[in-house]
Amino acid sequence: MSKSDDYNVEVPTRVLVESMVREDATLHANELYSVANALGMTDQQVRLCIRRLVTDGQFTQEGRGRRAVLRASEGAESSIEPNVEFVRYMFAQDRGEAPWDGNWHLVAFAIPETARQARDAMRDGIVHLGGASIQGGLYISPNPWGSHIQALASKLEVTDHVTSCTTSDLTVGGTKDPRTIAARLWPLDNIADGHAKLINVAQQRLLRLRDTIGLTETDTLTIAIELASEFTRAMNPDPLLPRELLPHPWPGTRARNLTAECWSVLLNLNPAPARPRLFRSYADVVQHVTDHAPQPIP
């Protein structure tokens, strides 16, 4: 946790280590320890985490202490790297380029007890895609998620147990009003609170980034990890409901725009060779936003 900022961001040690990996799959320990210390972590925390990751086969290590160089195993990813497809969709919604067509998309599954692990994974995957439970085994989304649901069911080998349909005639708890249904099925207040926290964090980090006097490479890397962590924390539970179903104003829009502005500055400040590969994912996002000429943040 950052020691000096009013809006602290909690970053698990393992997430920090995974997120510091460079494009060439290496991680320099001196850089890692510096950022960890800036986040309020002790050297002992970092050493123990590295030891566990090496033991688990996630990393190999050459050298010792702050002179060590770690190398990530093939396929290792950071949990705070954004899903670029979904993030692009978020910004398209914010710009009004993905309006709701009035259809609800439903999926139901009845996976037997003998495949409990697949059943749990199917449920978790549907929720991750923004689905809300109407009743046991029946989930709903206003977004056209058919291809994602099919891919999930196929991966889990449960296609024969899954049913889906689309309707514009939906009644939940006696109401047909779409906004009332959305407010009933998704915890919008909690989601909005997460976006409000991201706004506070991003606003403060943007002020620090604009005042470049005394800003070190460790500072910019620390801010990048904090932003990515808080962005992930805010966006993971967000079902990406269309604007037609959300309260106005919706804080997610401002939170995303502020985050994109922060990353635009970060990408110009941090030298490419020293960047963790996390920067590449956000570079794709920022490029997409820039191509669509977003309005400046007041």
C-alpha atoms as a PDB file:
ATOM      1  CA  MET A   1       0.000   0.000   0.000  1.00  0.00           C
ATOM      2  CA  SER A   2       1.273   3.444  -0.877  1.00  0.00           C
ATOM      3  CA  LYS A   3       2.513   5.279   2.204  1.00  0.00           C
ATOM      4  CA  SER A   4       2.232   8.884   1.098  1.00  0.00           C
ATOM      5  CA  ASP A   5      -0.959   9.178  -0.936  1.00  0.00           C
ATOM      6  CA  ASP A   6      -4.366  10.194   0.412  1.00  0.00           C
ATOM      7  CA  TYR A   7      -6.017   7.585  -1.813  1.00  0.00           C
ATOM      8  CA  ASN A   8      -4.133   4.386  -1.140  1.00  0.00           C
ATOM      9  CA  VAL A   9      -4.225   1.436  -3.503  1.00  0.00           C
ATOM     10  CA  GLU A  10      -3.803  -2.083  -2.191  1.00  0.00           C
ATOM     11  CA  VAL A  11      -1.620  -4.213  -4.445  1.00  0.00           C
ATOM     12  CA  PRO A  12      -0.975  -7.857  -3.483  1.00  0.00           C
ATOM     13  CA  THR A  13       2.712  -8.745  -3.624  1.00  0.00           C
ATOM     14  CA  ARG A  14       2.171 -11.536  -6.161  1.00  0.00           C
ATOM     15  CA  VAL A  15       0.245  -9.173  -8.440  1.00  0.00           C
ATOM     16  CA  LEU A  16       3.082  -6.657  -8.231  1.00  0.00           C
ATOM     17  CA  VAL A  17       5.699  -9.247  -9.185  1.00  0.00           C
ATOM     18  CA  GLU A  18       3.647 -10.548 -12.123  1.00  0.00           C
ATOM     19  CA  SER A  19       2.939  -7.025 -13.343  1.00  0.00           C
ATOM     20  CA  MET A  20       6.586  -5.916 -13.360  1.00  0.00           C
ATOM     21  CA  VAL A  21       7.622  -8.415 -16.056  1.00  0.00           C
ATOM     22  CA  ARG A  22       9.105  -6.738 -19.143  1.00  0.00           C
ATOM     23  CA  GLU A  23       8.408  -7.564 -22.782  1.00  0.00           C
ATOM     24  CA  ASP A  24      11.428  -9.892 -22.863  1.00  0.00           C
ATOM     25  CA  ALA A  25       9.919 -11.850 -19.906  1.00  0.00           C
ATOM     26  CA  THR A  26      12.577 -10.594 -17.472  1.00  0.00           C
ATOM     27  CA  LEU A  27      12.111  -8.796 -14.187  1.00  0.00           C
ATOM     28  CA  HIS A  28      14.973  -6.930 -12.544  1.00  0.00           C
ATOM     29  CA  ALA A  29      14.913  -7.328  -8.770  1.00  0.00           C
ATOM     30  CA  ASN A  30      16.298  -3.882  -7.991  1.00  0.00           C
ATOM     31  CA  GLU A  31      13.400  -2.322  -9.902  1.00  0.00           C
ATOM     32  CA  LEU A  32      10.908  -4.651  -8.224  1.00  0.00           C
ATOM     33  CA  TYR A  33      12.136  -3.895  -4.698  1.00  0.00           C
ATOM     34  CA  SER A  34      12.074  -0.148  -5.343  1.00  0.00           C
ATOM     35  CA  VAL A  35       8.437  -0.198  -6.472  1.00  0.00           C
ATOM     36  CA  ALA A  36       7.486  -2.598  -3.677  1.00  0.00           C
ATOM     37  CA  ASN A  37       8.995  -0.262  -1.081  1.00  0.00           C
ATOM     38  CA  ALA A  38       7.123   2.689  -2.616  1.00  0.00           C
ATOM     39  CA  LEU A  39       3.922   0.671  -2.164  1.00  0.00           C
ATOM     40  CA  GLY A  40       4.735   0.048   1.490  1.00  0.00           C
ATOM     41  CA  MET A  41       5.916  -3.558   1.117  1.00  0.00           C
ATOM     42  CA  THR A  42       8.929  -4.889   2.965  1.00  0.00           C
ATOM     43  CA  ASP A  43      11.878  -6.633   1.342  1.00  0.00           C
ATOM     44  CA  GLN A  44      10.957  -9.760   3.289  1.00  0.00           C
ATOM     45  CA  GLN A  45       7.466  -9.813   1.715  1.00  0.00           C
ATOM     46  CA  VAL A  46       8.996  -9.599  -1.725  1.00  0.00           C
ATOM     47  CA  ARG A  47      11.626 -12.273  -1.042  1.00  0.00           C
ATOM     48  CA  LEU A  48       9.011 -14.726   0.234  1.00  0.00           C
ATOM     49  CA  CYS A  49       6.781 -14.081  -2.761  1.00  0.00           C
ATOM     50  CA  ILE A  50       9.640 -14.593  -5.211  1.00  0.00           C
ATOM     51  CA  ARG A  51      10.588 -17.822  -3.453  1.00  0.00           C
ATOM     52  CA  ARG A  52       7.009 -19.143  -3.781  1.00  0.00           C
ATOM     53  CA  LEU A  53       6.771 -18.180  -7.441  1.00  0.00           C
ATOM     54  CA  VAL A  54      10.101 -19.835  -8.251  1.00  0.00           C
ATOM     55  CA  THR A  55       9.094 -22.970  -6.329  1.00  0.00           C
ATOM     56  CA  ASP A  56       5.787 -23.069  -8.234  1.00  0.00           C
ATOM     57  CA  GLY A  57       7.660 -22.853 -11.530  1.00  0.00           C
ATOM     58  CA  GLN A  58       6.231 -19.443 -12.450  1.00  0.00           C
ATOM     59  CA  PHE A  59       9.698 -17.843 -12.552  1.00  0.00           C
ATOM     60  CA  THR A  60      13.347 -18.795 -12.711  1.00  0.00           C
ATOM     61  CA  GLN A  61      15.977 -16.745 -10.910  1.00  0.00           C
ATOM     62  CA  GLU A  62      19.568 -15.811 -11.669  1.00  0.00           C
ATOM     63  CA  GLY A  63      21.594 -14.077  -8.981  1.00  0.00           C
ATOM     64  CA  ARG A  64      20.554 -13.016  -5.495  1.00  0.00           C
ATOM     65  CA  GLY A  65      19.020 -10.068  -3.715  1.00  0.00           C
ATOM     66  CA  ARG A  66      18.549  -6.820  -5.594  1.00  0.00           C
ATOM     67  CA  ARG A  67      20.982  -7.935  -8.296  1.00  0.00           C
ATOM     68  CA  ALA A  68      18.835 -10.915  -9.252  1.00  0.00           C
ATOM     69  CA  VAL A  69      17.097 -11.217 -12.608  1.00  0.00           C
ATOM     70  CA  LEU A  70      13.865 -13.203 -12.753  1.00  0.00           C
ATOM     71  CA  ARG A  71      12.421 -14.726 -15.904  1.00  0.00           C
ATOM     72  CA  ALA A  72       8.726 -15.478 -16.219  1.00  0.00           C
ATOM     73  CA  SER A  73       7.683 -18.899 -17.464  1.00  0.00           C
ATOM     74  CA  GLU A  74       5.896 -19.112 -20.807  1.00  0.00           C
ATOM     75  CA  GLY A  75       2.225 -18.230 -20.529  1.00  0.00           C
ATOM     76  CA  ALA A  76       2.563 -16.340 -17.240  1.00  0.00           C
ATOM     77  CA  GLU A  77       0.219 -13.342 -17.132  1.00  0.00           C
ATOM     78  CA  SER A  78      -0.647 -10.551 -14.757  1.00  0.00           C
ATOM     79  CA  SER A  79      -4.128 -10.477 -13.285  1.00  0.00           C
ATOM     80  CA  ILE A  80      -4.256  -6.706 -13.792  1.00  0.00           C
ATOM     81  CA  GLU A  81      -3.548  -6.733 -17.531  1.00  0.00           C
ATOM     82  CA  PRO A  82      -6.740  -5.441 -19.158  1.00  0.00           C
ATOM     83  CA  ASN A  83      -8.873  -7.437 -21.570  1.00  0.00           C
ATOM     84  CA  VAL A  84      -8.472  -5.053 -24.503  1.00  0.00           C
ATOM     85  CA  GLU A  85     -11.636  -6.296 -26.246  1.00  0.00           C
ATOM     86  CA  PHE A  86     -13.806  -5.541 -23.219  1.00  0.00           C
ATOM     87  CA  VAL A  87     -12.112  -2.208 -22.497  1.00  0.00           C
ATOM     88  CA  ARG A  88     -12.686  -1.071 -26.078  1.00  0.00           C
ATOM     89  CA  TYR A  89     -16.331  -2.025 -25.670  1.00  0.00           C
ATOM     90  CA  MET A  90     -16.508   0.081 -22.483  1.00  0.00           C
ATOM     91  CA  PHE A  91     -15.304   3.159 -24.333  1.00  0.00           C
ATOM     92  CA  ALA A  92     -17.645   2.465 -27.255  1.00  0.00           C
ATOM     93  CA  GLN A  93     -20.532   2.438 -24.786  1.00  0.00           C
ATOM     94  CA  ASP A  94     -19.292   5.674 -23.219  1.00  0.00           C
ATOM     95  CA  ARG A  95     -19.306   7.330 -26.655  1.00  0.00           C
ATOM     96  CA  GLY A  96     -22.812   6.085 -27.432  1.00  0.00           C
ATOM     97  CA  GLU A  97     -21.514   3.778 -30.175  1.00  0.00           C
ATOM     98  CA  ALA A  98     -22.998   0.617 -28.634  1.00  0.00           C
ATOM     99  CA  PRO A  99     -26.635   1.542 -27.960  1.00  0.00           C
ATOM    100  CA  TRP A 100     -28.981  -1.004 -26.450  1.00  0.00           C
ATOM    101  CA  ASP A 101     -31.324  -2.650 -28.927  1.00  0.00           C
ATOM    102  CA  GLY A 102     -33.896  -3.489 -26.248  1.00  0.00           C
ATOM    103  CA  ASN A 103     -33.118  -7.204 -26.208  1.00  0.00           C
ATOM    104  CA  TRP A 104     -32.274  -9.304 -23.176  1.00  0.00           C
ATOM    105  CA  HIS A 105     -29.996 -12.300 -23.621  1.00  0.00           C
ATOM    106  CA  LEU A 106     -30.626 -15.271 -21.338  1.00  0.00           C
ATOM    107  CA  VAL A 107     -28.686 -18.432 -20.660  1.00  0.00           C
ATOM    108  CA  ALA A 108     -29.637 -21.393 -18.493  1.00  0.00           C
ATOM    109  CA  PHE A 109     -27.689 -24.488 -17.590  1.00  0.00           C
ATOM    110  CA  ALA A 110     -28.449 -27.733 -15.788  1.00  0.00           C
ATOM    111  CA  ILE A 111     -25.079 -29.404 -15.331  1.00  0.00           C
ATOM    112  CA  PRO A 112     -25.189 -32.617 -13.261  1.00  0.00           C
ATOM    113  CA  GLU A 113     -23.595 -32.990  -9.850  1.00  0.00           C
ATOM    114  CA  THR A 114     -21.013 -35.342 -11.344  1.00  0.00           C
ATOM    115  CA  ALA A 115     -19.583 -32.334 -13.204  1.00  0.00           C
ATOM    116  CA  ARG A 116     -19.670 -29.934 -10.275  1.00  0.00           C
ATOM    117  CA  GLN A 117     -16.334 -28.320 -11.150  1.00  0.00           C
ATOM    118  CA  ALA A 118     -17.552 -27.511 -14.669  1.00  0.00           C
ATOM    119  CA  ARG A 119     -20.850 -26.265 -13.261  1.00  0.00           C
ATOM    120  CA  ASP A 120     -19.094 -23.881 -10.878  1.00  0.00           C
ATOM    121  CA  ALA A 121     -16.763 -22.709 -13.649  1.00  0.00           C
ATOM    122  CA  MET A 122     -19.736 -22.092 -15.952  1.00  0.00           C
ATOM    123  CA  ARG A 123     -21.450 -19.983 -13.308  1.00  0.00           C
ATOM    124  CA  ASP A 124     -18.276 -18.003 -12.560  1.00  0.00           C
ATOM    125  CA  GLY A 125     -17.648 -17.469 -16.274  1.00  0.00           C
ATOM    126  CA  ILE A 126     -21.156 -16.143 -16.851  1.00  0.00           C
ATOM    127  CA  VAL A 127     -20.856 -13.721 -13.931  1.00  0.00           C
ATOM    128  CA  HIS A 128     -17.450 -12.596 -15.249  1.00  0.00           C
ATOM    129  CA  LEU A 129     -19.165 -11.796 -18.556  1.00  0.00           C
ATOM    130  CA  GLY A 130     -21.581  -9.516 -16.687  1.00  0.00           C
ATOM    131  CA  GLY A 131     -24.466 -11.924 -16.247  1.00  0.00           C
ATOM    132  CA  ALA A 132     -26.907 -11.576 -13.351  1.00  0.00           C
ATOM    133  CA  SER A 133     -28.841 -14.426 -11.806  1.00  0.00           C
ATOM    134  CA  ILE A 134     -32.629 -14.295 -12.132  1.00  0.00           C
ATOM    135  CA  GLN A 135     -33.123 -17.631 -10.395  1.00  0.00           C
ATOM    136  CA  GLY A 136     -31.284 -20.914 -10.021  1.00  0.00           C
ATOM    137  CA  GLY A 137     -29.301 -21.682 -13.173  1.00  0.00           C
ATOM    138  CA  LEU A 138     -30.807 -18.799 -15.202  1.00  0.00           C
ATOM    139  CA  TYR A 139     -28.723 -15.722 -16.034  1.00  0.00           C
ATOM    140  CA  ILE A 140     -29.295 -12.578 -18.054  1.00  0.00           C
ATOM    141  CA  SER A 141     -27.402  -9.790 -19.806  1.00  0.00           C
ATOM    142  CA  PRO A 142     -28.460  -6.894 -22.049  1.00  0.00           C
ATOM    143  CA  ASN A 143     -25.275  -7.410 -24.093  1.00  0.00           C
ATOM    144  CA  PRO A 144     -25.052  -9.838 -27.049  1.00  0.00           C
ATOM    145  CA  TRP A 145     -22.809 -12.380 -25.390  1.00  0.00           C
ATOM    146  CA  GLY A 146     -23.708 -15.459 -27.451  1.00  0.00           C
ATOM    147  CA  SER A 147     -20.239 -16.136 -28.877  1.00  0.00           C
ATOM    148  CA  HIS A 148     -18.616 -15.807 -25.444  1.00  0.00           C
ATOM    149  CA  ILE A 149     -21.178 -18.140 -23.850  1.00  0.00           C
ATOM    150  CA  GLN A 150     -20.678 -20.699 -26.611  1.00  0.00           C
ATOM    151  CA  ALA A 151     -16.905 -20.541 -26.230  1.00  0.00           C
ATOM    152  CA  LEU A 152     -17.180 -20.955 -22.453  1.00  0.00           C
ATOM    153  CA  ALA A 153     -19.546 -23.930 -22.702  1.00  0.00           C
ATOM    154  CA  SER A 154     -17.369 -25.564 -25.347  1.00  0.00           C
ATOM    155  CA  LYS A 155     -14.214 -25.095 -23.272  1.00  0.00           C
ATOM    156  CA  LEU A 156     -15.908 -26.715 -20.270  1.00  0.00           C
ATOM    157  CA  GLU A 157     -17.459 -29.443 -22.462  1.00  0.00           C
ATOM    158  CA  VAL A 158     -20.995 -28.710 -21.214  1.00  0.00           C
ATOM    159  CA  THR A 159     -22.614 -27.484 -24.433  1.00  0.00           C
ATOM    160  CA  ASP A 160     -25.327 -30.164 -24.210  1.00  0.00           C
ATOM    161  CA  HIS A 161     -26.433 -28.777 -20.839  1.00  0.00           C
ATOM    162  CA  VAL A 162     -26.749 -25.113 -21.870  1.00  0.00           C
ATOM    163  CA  THR A 163     -29.793 -23.306 -23.287  1.00  0.00           C
ATOM    164  CA  SER A 164     -29.882 -19.706 -24.489  1.00  0.00           C
ATOM    165  CA  CYS A 165     -32.461 -17.325 -25.892  1.00  0.00           C
ATOM    166  CA  THR A 166     -33.078 -13.650 -26.635  1.00  0.00           C
ATOM    167  CA  THR A 167     -36.232 -11.687 -25.828  1.00  0.00           C
ATOM    168  CA  SER A 168     -37.515  -8.138 -25.697  1.00  0.00           C
ATOM    169  CA  ASP A 169     -40.459  -9.176 -23.512  1.00  0.00           C
ATOM    170  CA  LEU A 170     -39.106  -9.653 -19.997  1.00  0.00           C
ATOM    171  CA  THR A 171     -40.851  -9.356 -16.637  1.00  0.00           C
ATOM    172  CA  VAL A 172     -38.856  -9.653 -13.404  1.00  0.00           C
ATOM    173  CA  GLY A 173     -40.585  -9.395 -10.050  1.00  0.00           C
ATOM    174  CA  GLY A 174     -43.688  -7.961 -11.683  1.00  0.00           C
ATOM    175  CA  THR A 175     -41.917  -5.157 -13.585  1.00  0.00           C
ATOM    176  CA  LYS A 176     -41.084  -4.724 -17.246  1.00  0.00           C
ATOM    177  CA  ASP A 177     -39.217  -1.423 -16.838  1.00  0.00           C
ATOM    178  CA  PRO A 178     -35.631  -2.038 -18.043  1.00  0.00           C
ATOM    179  CA  ARG A 179     -33.950   0.373 -15.607  1.00  0.00           C
ATOM    180  CA  THR A 180     -35.880  -1.053 -12.676  1.00  0.00           C
ATOM    181  CA  ILE A 181     -34.882  -4.552 -13.741  1.00  0.00           C
ATOM    182  CA  ALA A 182     -31.222  -3.529 -14.037  1.00  0.00           C
ATOM    183  CA  ALA A 183     -31.237  -1.879 -10.600  1.00  0.00           C
ATOM    184  CA  ARG A 184     -32.825  -5.009  -9.136  1.00  0.00           C
ATOM    185  CA  LEU A 185     -30.447  -7.538 -10.695  1.00  0.00           C
ATOM    186  CA  TRP A 186     -27.065  -5.766 -10.498  1.00  0.00           C
ATOM    187  CA  PRO A 187     -25.519  -4.042  -7.413  1.00  0.00           C
ATOM    188  CA  LEU A 188     -25.200  -0.701  -9.177  1.00  0.00           C
ATOM    189  CA  ASP A 189     -24.512   1.310  -6.004  1.00  0.00           C
ATOM    190  CA  ASN A 190     -21.537  -0.879  -5.119  1.00  0.00           C
ATOM    191  CA  ILE A 191     -20.242  -0.764  -8.685  1.00  0.00           C
ATOM    192  CA  ALA A 192     -20.571   3.030  -8.725  1.00  0.00           C
ATOM    193  CA  ASP A 193     -18.622   3.235  -5.453  1.00  0.00           C
ATOM    194  CA  GLY A 194     -15.763   1.318  -7.084  1.00  0.00           C
ATOM    195  CA  HIS A 195     -15.710   3.754  -9.985  1.00  0.00           C
ATOM    196  CA  ALA A 196     -15.765   6.709  -7.571  1.00  0.00           C
ATOM    197  CA  LYS A 197     -12.665   5.324  -5.824  1.00  0.00           C
ATOM    198  CA  LEU A 198     -10.956   4.950  -9.204  1.00  0.00           C
ATOM    199  CA  ILE A 199     -11.805   8.565 -10.042  1.00  0.00           C
ATOM    200  CA  ASN A 200     -10.173   9.760  -6.811  1.00  0.00           C
ATOM    201  CA  VAL A 201      -7.073   7.639  -7.393  1.00  0.00           C
ATOM    202  CA  ALA A 202      -6.741   8.644 -11.051  1.00  0.00           C
ATOM    203  CA  GLN A 203      -7.233  12.351 -10.326  1.00  0.00           C
ATOM    204  CA  GLN A 204      -4.472  12.348  -7.734  1.00  0.00           C
ATOM    205  CA  ARG A 205      -2.082  10.298  -9.868  1.00  0.00           C
ATOM    206  CA  LEU A 206      -2.718  12.586 -12.838  1.00  0.00           C
ATOM    207  CA  LEU A 207      -1.720  15.618 -10.765  1.00  0.00           C
ATOM    208  CA  ARG A 208       1.519  13.852  -9.793  1.00  0.00           C
ATOM    209  CA  LEU A 209       2.246  12.878 -13.388  1.00  0.00           C
ATOM    210  CA  ARG A 210       1.734  16.421 -14.646  1.00  0.00           C
ATOM    211  CA  ASP A 211       4.202  17.760 -12.072  1.00  0.00           C
ATOM    212  CA  THR A 212       7.239  16.002 -13.511  1.00  0.00           C
ATOM    213  CA  ILE A 213       9.772  17.770 -11.260  1.00  0.00           C
ATOM    214  CA  GLY A 214      11.364  15.097  -9.103  1.00  0.00           C
ATOM    215  CA  LEU A 215       9.314  12.306 -10.679  1.00  0.00           C
ATOM    216  CA  THR A 216      11.523   9.222 -10.905  1.00  0.00           C
ATOM    217  CA  GLU A 217      11.212   6.052 -12.959  1.00  0.00           C
ATOM    218  CA  THR A 218      10.214   4.237  -9.764  1.00  0.00           C
ATOM    219  CA  ASP A 219       7.448   6.809  -9.259  1.00  0.00           C
ATOM    220  CA  THR A 220       6.026   6.279 -12.738  1.00  0.00           C
ATOM    221  CA  LEU A 221       6.166   2.492 -12.425  1.00  0.00           C
ATOM    222  CA  THR A 222       4.471   2.678  -9.027  1.00  0.00           C
ATOM    223  CA  ILE A 223       1.703   4.875 -10.404  1.00  0.00           C
ATOM    224  CA  ALA A 224       1.225   2.509 -13.346  1.00  0.00           C
ATOM    225  CA  ILE A 225       0.800  -0.495 -11.037  1.00  0.00           C
ATOM    226  CA  GLU A 226      -1.576   1.444  -8.770  1.00  0.00           C
ATOM    227  CA  LEU A 227      -3.710   2.578 -11.700  1.00  0.00           C
ATOM    228  CA  ALA A 228      -3.877  -0.875 -13.249  1.00  0.00           C
ATOM    229  CA  SER A 229      -4.774  -2.446  -9.894  1.00  0.00           C
ATOM    230  CA  GLU A 230      -7.520   0.060  -9.120  1.00  0.00           C
ATOM    231  CA  PHE A 231      -8.851  -0.060 -12.686  1.00  0.00           C
ATOM    232  CA  THR A 232      -9.093  -3.861 -12.459  1.00  0.00           C
ATOM    233  CA  ARG A 233     -10.759  -3.660  -9.046  1.00  0.00           C
ATOM    234  CA  ALA A 234     -13.375  -1.216 -10.360  1.00  0.00           C
ATOM    235  CA  MET A 235     -14.037  -2.844 -13.730  1.00  0.00           C
ATOM    236  CA  ASN A 236     -14.130  -6.538 -12.814  1.00  0.00           C
ATOM    237  CA  PRO A 237     -17.585  -6.382 -11.163  1.00  0.00           C
ATOM    238  CA  ASP A 238     -18.949  -3.970 -13.812  1.00  0.00           C
ATOM    239  CA  PRO A 239     -21.402  -5.821 -16.109  1.00  0.00           C
ATOM    240  CA  LEU A 240     -20.966  -3.085 -18.763  1.00  0.00           C
ATOM    241  CA  LEU A 241     -24.654  -2.279 -18.926  1.00  0.00           C
ATOM    242  CA  PRO A 242     -25.648   0.023 -21.779  1.00  0.00           C
ATOM    243  CA  ARG A 243     -26.201   3.672 -20.934  1.00  0.00           C
ATOM    244  CA  GLU A 244     -29.954   3.247 -21.350  1.00  0.00           C
ATOM    245  CA  LEU A 245     -30.033   1.082 -18.203  1.00  0.00           C
ATOM    246  CA  LEU A 246     -27.725   3.121 -15.957  1.00  0.00           C
ATOM    247  CA  PRO A 247     -28.278   6.053 -13.598  1.00  0.00           C
ATOM    248  CA  HIS A 248     -27.129   9.433 -14.927  1.00  0.00           C
ATOM    249  CA  PRO A 249     -24.448  10.559 -14.584  1.00  0.00           C
ATOM    250  CA  TRP A 250     -22.637   7.214 -14.398  1.00  0.00           C
ATOM    251  CA  PRO A 251     -19.185   7.499 -12.736  1.00  0.00           C
ATOM    252  CA  GLY A 252     -17.716   4.673 -14.814  1.00  0.00           C
ATOM    253  CA  THR A 253     -17.452   6.985 -17.820  1.00  0.00           C
ATOM    254  CA  ARG A 254     -15.365   9.583 -16.012  1.00  0.00           C
ATOM    255  CA  ALA A 255     -13.295   6.903 -14.291  1.00  0.00           C
ATOM    256  CA  ARG A 256     -12.333   5.327 -17.622  1.00  0.00           C
ATOM    257  CA  ASN A 257     -11.519   8.645 -19.280  1.00  0.00           C
ATOM    258  CA  LEU A 258      -9.336   9.762 -16.387  1.00  0.00           C
ATOM    259  CA  THR A 259      -7.508   6.443 -16.392  1.00  0.00           C
ATOM    260  CA  ALA A 260      -6.888   6.697 -20.132  1.00  0.00           C
ATOM    261  CA  GLU A 261      -5.516  10.215 -19.673  1.00  0.00           C
ATOM    262  CA  CYS A 262      -3.145   9.007 -16.946  1.00  0.00           C
ATOM    263  CA  TRP A 263      -1.865   6.208 -19.169  1.00  0.00           C
ATOM    264  CA  SER A 264      -1.378   8.588 -22.057  1.00  0.00           C
ATOM    265  CA  VAL A 265       0.999  10.616 -19.871  1.00  0.00           C
ATOM    266  CA  LEU A 266       2.676   7.500 -18.470  1.00  0.00           C
ATOM    267  CA  LEU A 267       3.424   6.110 -21.909  1.00  0.00           C
ATOM    268  CA  ASN A 268       5.225   9.324 -22.824  1.00  0.00           C
ATOM    269  CA  LEU A 269       7.198   9.525 -19.574  1.00  0.00           C
ATOM    270  CA  ASN A 270       8.419   5.962 -19.169  1.00  0.00           C
ATOM    271  CA  PRO A 271      11.188   4.796 -21.552  1.00  0.00           C
ATOM    272  CA  ALA A 272      10.081   1.874 -23.713  1.00  0.00           C
ATOM    273  CA  PRO A 273      12.971  -0.502 -22.862  1.00  0.00           C
ATOM    274  CA  ALA A 274      12.169  -0.274 -19.143  1.00  0.00           C
ATOM    275  CA  ARG A 275       8.442  -0.752 -19.472  1.00  0.00           C
ATOM    276  CA  PRO A 276       6.684  -3.782 -18.056  1.00  0.00           C
ATOM    277  CA  ARG A 277       4.574  -5.493 -20.722  1.00  0.00           C
ATOM    278  CA  LEU A 278       1.550  -4.216 -18.817  1.00  0.00           C
ATOM    279  CA  PHE A 279       2.237  -0.932 -20.654  1.00  0.00           C
ATOM    280  CA  ARG A 280       1.638  -2.598 -24.035  1.00  0.00           C
ATOM    281  CA  SER A 281      -1.930  -3.539 -23.135  1.00  0.00           C
ATOM    282  CA  TYR A 282      -2.732  -0.036 -21.977  1.00  0.00           C
ATOM    283  CA  ALA A 283      -0.980   1.431 -25.018  1.00  0.00           C
ATOM    284  CA  ASP A 284      -3.497  -0.463 -27.172  1.00  0.00           C
ATOM    285  CA  VAL A 285      -6.347   0.971 -25.115  1.00  0.00           C
ATOM    286  CA  VAL A 286      -5.003   4.544 -25.201  1.00  0.00           C
ATOM    287  CA  GLN A 287      -4.407   4.308 -28.958  1.00  0.00           C
ATOM    288  CA  HIS A 288      -7.996   3.176 -29.455  1.00  0.00           C
ATOM    289  CA  VAL A 289      -9.300   6.063 -27.358  1.00  0.00           C
ATOM    290  CA  THR A 290      -7.036   8.563 -29.123  1.00  0.00           C
ATOM    291  CA  ASP A 291      -8.228   7.363 -32.527  1.00  0.00           C
ATOM    292  CA  HIS A 292     -11.766   8.212 -31.454  1.00  0.00           C
ATOM    293  CA  ALA A 293     -10.826  11.684 -30.169  1.00  0.00           C
ATOM    294  CA  PRO A 294     -12.239  11.637 -26.619  1.00  0.00           C
ATOM    295  CA  GLN A 295     -13.299  14.890 -24.989  1.00  0.00           C
ATOM    296  CA  PRO A 296     -10.704  16.374 -22.610  1.00  0.00           C
ATOM    297  CA  ILE A 297     -11.284  15.981 -18.878  1.00  0.00           C
ATOM    298  CA  PRO A 298     -12.262  19.318 -17.315  1.00  0.00           C
END
